[in-house]
Amino acid sequence: MVSGTRLNMRAPAALLFVALAACTQFPALDDAVSPDVAGSDFPALVPLEPLLAGTAPIVGDPVATTENLEARIAALRARARALQQRPVVDAATRTRMQQRWN
């Protein structure tokens, strides 16, 4: 339950918020759509049932997709190995940091 003083404090804050929101200028949305898009047809709607059932046709070659993903995985693993083998802080920065703390 909200006490009377809390309610009395919230009402002016809510009124101020509504008043400030009413002063907002909205952008002109009529000119936001280019003429070529405004004259085009709506996209075709797709039935929802096949999408929910997971029976939508596979687009693209699954073998090529697998090969691309495996190549990306290998490249990321190689990059991770290279990053793990080098120091996080170079020698000059490490020396400067140690001199600061001594």
N, C-alpha and C. Protein backbone atom coordinates (compact mmCIF):
# COMPACT_ATOMS: atom_id res chain seq x y z
N MET A 1 0.84 -1.17 0.00
CA MET A 1 0.00 0.00 0.00
C MET A 1 0.89 1.24 0.00
N VAL A 2 0.51 2.22 -0.78
CA VAL A 2 1.28 3.45 -0.91
C VAL A 2 0.76 4.45 0.10
N SER A 3 1.68 5.03 0.84
CA SER A 3 1.27 6.01 1.84
C SER A 3 0.82 7.30 1.16
N GLY A 4 0.10 8.14 1.91
CA GLY A 4 -0.44 9.37 1.36
C GLY A 4 0.63 10.33 0.88
N THR A 5 1.74 10.46 1.62
CA THR A 5 2.79 11.40 1.21
C THR A 5 3.49 10.90 -0.04
N ARG A 6 3.64 9.60 -0.16
CA ARG A 6 4.29 9.06 -1.36
C ARG A 6 3.41 9.31 -2.58
N LEU A 7 2.10 9.11 -2.40
CA LEU A 7 1.18 9.34 -3.49
C LEU A 7 1.17 10.82 -3.87
N ASN A 8 1.25 11.68 -2.88
CA ASN A 8 1.27 13.12 -3.15
C ASN A 8 2.54 13.54 -3.88
N MET A 9 3.64 12.81 -3.66
CA MET A 9 4.89 13.13 -4.35
C MET A 9 4.90 12.57 -5.76
N ARG A 10 4.24 11.45 -5.98
CA ARG A 10 4.25 10.83 -7.30
C ARG A 10 3.35 11.56 -8.28
N ALA A 11 2.26 12.11 -7.82
CA ALA A 11 1.32 12.77 -8.72
C ALA A 11 1.96 13.95 -9.45
N PRO A 12 2.66 14.88 -8.77
CA PRO A 12 3.29 15.97 -9.52
C PRO A 12 4.38 15.48 -10.48
N ALA A 13 5.10 14.44 -10.07
CA ALA A 13 6.15 13.91 -10.95
C ALA A 13 5.52 13.32 -12.21
N ALA A 14 4.42 12.60 -12.05
CA ALA A 14 3.75 12.03 -13.21
C ALA A 14 3.18 13.13 -14.09
N LEU A 15 2.61 14.16 -13.49
CA LEU A 15 2.06 15.28 -14.25
C LEU A 15 3.16 16.00 -15.02
N LEU A 16 4.31 16.19 -14.40
CA LEU A 16 5.44 16.83 -15.07
C LEU A 16 5.90 15.98 -16.26
N PHE A 17 5.97 14.69 -16.07
CA PHE A 17 6.39 13.78 -17.14
C PHE A 17 5.43 13.86 -18.32
N VAL A 18 4.14 13.84 -18.05
CA VAL A 18 3.13 13.92 -19.12
C VAL A 18 3.22 15.27 -19.82
N ALA A 19 3.41 16.33 -19.06
CA ALA A 19 3.50 17.67 -19.66
C ALA A 19 4.72 17.77 -20.57
N LEU A 20 5.86 17.24 -20.13
CA LEU A 20 7.06 17.28 -20.96
C LEU A 20 6.91 16.42 -22.20
N ALA A 21 6.25 15.29 -22.05
CA ALA A 21 6.03 14.42 -23.21
C ALA A 21 5.10 15.09 -24.22
N ALA A 22 4.17 15.88 -23.75
CA ALA A 22 3.23 16.55 -24.65
C ALA A 22 3.92 17.65 -25.45
N CYS A 23 5.03 18.16 -24.97
CA CYS A 23 5.75 19.22 -25.66
C CYS A 23 6.70 18.69 -26.73
N THR A 24 6.83 17.40 -26.83
CA THR A 24 7.77 16.80 -27.78
C THR A 24 7.30 17.01 -29.20
N GLN A 25 8.22 17.33 -30.09
CA GLN A 25 7.89 17.46 -31.50
C GLN A 25 8.21 16.13 -32.18
N PHE A 26 7.23 15.58 -32.84
CA PHE A 26 7.42 14.32 -33.52
C PHE A 26 8.01 14.56 -34.90
N PRO A 27 8.87 13.66 -35.36
CA PRO A 27 9.47 13.85 -36.69
C PRO A 27 8.42 13.63 -37.78
N ALA A 28 8.66 14.22 -38.92
CA ALA A 28 7.76 14.05 -40.07
C ALA A 28 8.02 12.68 -40.68
N LEU A 29 7.15 11.75 -40.44
CA LEU A 29 7.34 10.39 -40.92
C LEU A 29 6.84 10.19 -42.34
N ASP A 30 6.06 11.13 -42.86
CA ASP A 30 5.54 10.97 -44.22
C ASP A 30 6.66 10.98 -45.24
N ASP A 31 7.71 11.74 -45.01
CA ASP A 31 8.81 11.83 -45.96
C ASP A 31 9.90 10.80 -45.68
N ALA A 32 9.71 9.93 -44.71
CA ALA A 32 10.74 8.96 -44.36
C ALA A 32 10.81 7.81 -45.35
N VAL A 33 9.74 7.58 -46.12
CA VAL A 33 9.71 6.49 -47.09
C VAL A 33 9.99 7.06 -48.46
N SER A 34 10.96 6.45 -49.16
CA SER A 34 11.31 6.93 -50.49
C SER A 34 10.18 6.61 -51.47
N PRO A 35 10.05 7.37 -52.56
CA PRO A 35 8.96 7.15 -53.50
C PRO A 35 8.94 5.77 -54.14
N ASP A 36 10.14 5.20 -54.41
CA ASP A 36 10.15 3.87 -55.03
C ASP A 36 9.65 2.80 -54.07
N VAL A 37 9.90 2.95 -52.79
CA VAL A 37 9.39 1.99 -51.79
C VAL A 37 7.91 2.22 -51.55
N ALA A 38 7.48 3.47 -51.55
CA ALA A 38 6.07 3.78 -51.31
C ALA A 38 5.18 3.20 -52.40
N GLY A 39 5.68 3.12 -53.63
CA GLY A 39 4.88 2.60 -54.74
C GLY A 39 4.98 1.10 -54.93
N SER A 40 5.83 0.43 -54.17
CA SER A 40 6.02 -1.01 -54.37
C SER A 40 4.95 -1.80 -53.64
N ASP A 41 4.81 -3.08 -54.04
CA ASP A 41 3.84 -3.97 -53.41
C ASP A 41 4.37 -4.47 -52.08
N PHE A 42 3.46 -4.91 -51.23
CA PHE A 42 3.85 -5.52 -49.97
C PHE A 42 4.48 -6.88 -50.24
N PRO A 43 5.39 -7.34 -49.40
CA PRO A 43 5.98 -8.67 -49.62
C PRO A 43 4.93 -9.76 -49.39
N ALA A 44 5.18 -10.89 -50.02
CA ALA A 44 4.26 -12.02 -49.87
C ALA A 44 4.36 -12.57 -48.46
N LEU A 45 3.23 -12.92 -47.90
CA LEU A 45 3.20 -13.48 -46.56
C LEU A 45 3.49 -14.98 -46.62
N VAL A 46 4.19 -15.48 -45.63
CA VAL A 46 4.57 -16.89 -45.57
C VAL A 46 3.69 -17.56 -44.53
N PRO A 47 3.17 -18.76 -44.82
CA PRO A 47 2.38 -19.45 -43.81
C PRO A 47 3.22 -19.75 -42.57
N LEU A 48 2.62 -19.62 -41.41
CA LEU A 48 3.34 -19.77 -40.16
C LEU A 48 3.55 -21.23 -39.77
N GLU A 49 2.63 -22.11 -40.12
CA GLU A 49 2.70 -23.51 -39.68
C GLU A 49 3.99 -24.21 -40.11
N PRO A 50 4.42 -24.11 -41.40
CA PRO A 50 5.68 -24.78 -41.76
C PRO A 50 6.88 -24.24 -41.00
N LEU A 51 6.87 -22.95 -40.69
CA LEU A 51 7.98 -22.37 -39.94
C LEU A 51 8.02 -22.91 -38.52
N LEU A 52 6.85 -23.02 -37.90
CA LEU A 52 6.80 -23.54 -36.54
C LEU A 52 7.13 -25.02 -36.50
N ALA A 53 6.76 -25.75 -37.54
CA ALA A 53 7.02 -27.19 -37.57
C ALA A 53 8.46 -27.50 -37.95
N GLY A 54 9.19 -26.52 -38.42
CA GLY A 54 10.59 -26.74 -38.79
C GLY A 54 10.71 -27.44 -40.13
N THR A 55 9.69 -27.37 -40.98
CA THR A 55 9.73 -28.04 -42.27
C THR A 55 10.01 -27.08 -43.40
N ALA A 56 10.49 -25.91 -43.09
CA ALA A 56 10.82 -24.94 -44.14
C ALA A 56 11.99 -25.48 -44.96
N PRO A 57 11.98 -25.23 -46.25
CA PRO A 57 13.07 -25.75 -47.09
C PRO A 57 14.40 -25.10 -46.72
N ILE A 58 15.45 -25.88 -46.82
CA ILE A 58 16.80 -25.40 -46.51
C ILE A 58 17.29 -24.58 -47.70
N VAL A 59 17.72 -23.37 -47.42
CA VAL A 59 18.23 -22.50 -48.47
C VAL A 59 19.74 -22.56 -48.42
N GLY A 60 20.35 -22.84 -49.54
CA GLY A 60 21.80 -22.92 -49.60
C GLY A 60 22.29 -24.35 -49.55
N ASP A 61 23.55 -24.52 -49.84
CA ASP A 61 24.17 -25.84 -49.87
C ASP A 61 24.66 -26.19 -48.48
N PRO A 62 24.14 -27.25 -47.85
CA PRO A 62 24.58 -27.58 -46.49
C PRO A 62 26.05 -27.97 -46.43
N VAL A 63 26.57 -28.58 -47.49
CA VAL A 63 27.99 -28.98 -47.49
C VAL A 63 28.87 -27.72 -47.50
N ALA A 64 28.53 -26.76 -48.35
CA ALA A 64 29.31 -25.53 -48.42
C ALA A 64 29.20 -24.75 -47.11
N THR A 65 28.00 -24.75 -46.52
CA THR A 65 27.82 -24.05 -45.25
C THR A 65 28.67 -24.69 -44.17
N THR A 66 28.69 -26.02 -44.12
CA THR A 66 29.51 -26.73 -43.14
C THR A 66 30.99 -26.43 -43.35
N GLU A 67 31.42 -26.44 -44.60
CA GLU A 67 32.84 -26.16 -44.89
C GLU A 67 33.20 -24.73 -44.48
N ASN A 68 32.31 -23.78 -44.77
CA ASN A 68 32.57 -22.39 -44.38
C ASN A 68 32.66 -22.25 -42.86
N LEU A 69 31.75 -22.91 -42.16
CA LEU A 69 31.77 -22.83 -40.69
C LEU A 69 33.03 -23.47 -40.12
N GLU A 70 33.42 -24.62 -40.69
CA GLU A 70 34.64 -25.29 -40.20
C GLU A 70 35.87 -24.44 -40.47
N ALA A 71 35.90 -23.75 -41.60
CA ALA A 71 37.03 -22.86 -41.90
C ALA A 71 37.07 -21.69 -40.92
N ARG A 72 35.91 -21.14 -40.61
CA ARG A 72 35.86 -20.04 -39.63
C ARG A 72 36.28 -20.51 -38.25
N ILE A 73 35.85 -21.71 -37.87
CA ILE A 73 36.23 -22.27 -36.57
C ILE A 73 37.74 -22.45 -36.50
N ALA A 74 38.33 -22.99 -37.56
CA ALA A 74 39.78 -23.19 -37.58
C ALA A 74 40.51 -21.86 -37.50
N ALA A 75 40.03 -20.85 -38.22
CA ALA A 75 40.69 -19.54 -38.19
C ALA A 75 40.57 -18.91 -36.80
N LEU A 76 39.42 -19.05 -36.17
CA LEU A 76 39.26 -18.50 -34.82
C LEU A 76 40.13 -19.21 -33.80
N ARG A 77 40.23 -20.52 -33.93
CA ARG A 77 41.10 -21.28 -33.01
C ARG A 77 42.56 -20.90 -33.20
N ALA A 78 42.99 -20.70 -34.45
CA ALA A 78 44.37 -20.28 -34.71
C ALA A 78 44.62 -18.89 -34.13
N ARG A 79 43.65 -18.01 -34.28
CA ARG A 79 43.79 -16.67 -33.71
C ARG A 79 43.86 -16.73 -32.19
N ALA A 80 43.04 -17.59 -31.58
CA ALA A 80 43.07 -17.73 -30.12
C ALA A 80 44.41 -18.25 -29.65
N ARG A 81 44.97 -19.24 -30.37
CA ARG A 81 46.30 -19.76 -30.00
C ARG A 81 47.36 -18.66 -30.10
N ALA A 82 47.29 -17.85 -31.17
CA ALA A 82 48.27 -16.78 -31.34
C ALA A 82 48.14 -15.75 -30.23
N LEU A 83 46.92 -15.42 -29.84
CA LEU A 83 46.73 -14.45 -28.76
C LEU A 83 47.19 -15.01 -27.42
N GLN A 84 47.03 -16.30 -27.20
CA GLN A 84 47.44 -16.89 -25.93
C GLN A 84 48.96 -16.98 -25.81
N GLN A 85 49.67 -17.02 -26.93
CA GLN A 85 51.12 -17.16 -26.88
C GLN A 85 51.86 -15.84 -26.72
N ARG A 86 51.19 -14.75 -26.95
CA ARG A 86 51.87 -13.46 -26.79
C ARG A 86 51.48 -12.84 -25.46
N PRO A 87 52.35 -12.00 -24.92
CA PRO A 87 52.03 -11.37 -23.63
C PRO A 87 50.92 -10.33 -23.78
N VAL A 88 50.18 -10.18 -22.73
CA VAL A 88 49.09 -9.21 -22.75
C VAL A 88 49.66 -7.80 -22.70
N VAL A 89 50.69 -7.61 -21.89
CA VAL A 89 51.33 -6.30 -21.74
C VAL A 89 52.74 -6.42 -22.28
N ASP A 90 53.12 -5.52 -23.21
CA ASP A 90 54.46 -5.57 -23.77
C ASP A 90 55.50 -5.18 -22.72
N ALA A 91 56.77 -5.48 -23.00
CA ALA A 91 57.84 -5.30 -22.02
C ALA A 91 58.00 -3.83 -21.59
N ALA A 92 57.92 -2.90 -22.53
CA ALA A 92 58.10 -1.48 -22.19
C ALA A 92 56.99 -1.01 -21.26
N THR A 93 55.76 -1.41 -21.53
CA THR A 93 54.64 -1.01 -20.68
C THR A 93 54.75 -1.65 -19.31
N ARG A 94 55.17 -2.93 -19.27
CA ARG A 94 55.34 -3.61 -17.99
C ARG A 94 56.40 -2.92 -17.14
N THR A 95 57.52 -2.50 -17.74
CA THR A 95 58.58 -1.80 -17.01
C THR A 95 58.06 -0.48 -16.47
N ARG A 96 57.33 0.25 -17.30
CA ARG A 96 56.77 1.54 -16.88
C ARG A 96 55.78 1.34 -15.73
N MET A 97 54.97 0.31 -15.80
CA MET A 97 54.01 0.05 -14.73
C MET A 97 54.72 -0.32 -13.42
N GLN A 98 55.77 -1.13 -13.53
CA GLN A 98 56.51 -1.52 -12.31
C GLN A 98 57.21 -0.33 -11.69
N GLN A 99 57.74 0.58 -12.51
CA GLN A 99 58.39 1.77 -11.97
C GLN A 99 57.39 2.67 -11.28
N ARG A 100 56.15 2.71 -11.75
CA ARG A 100 55.12 3.52 -11.13
C ARG A 100 54.79 3.02 -9.73
N TRP A 101 54.83 1.72 -9.54
CA TRP A 101 54.42 1.14 -8.26
C TRP A 101 55.55 1.01 -7.26
N ASN A 102 56.77 1.23 -7.71
CA ASN A 102 57.91 1.14 -6.78
C ASN A 102 58.25 2.46 -6.18
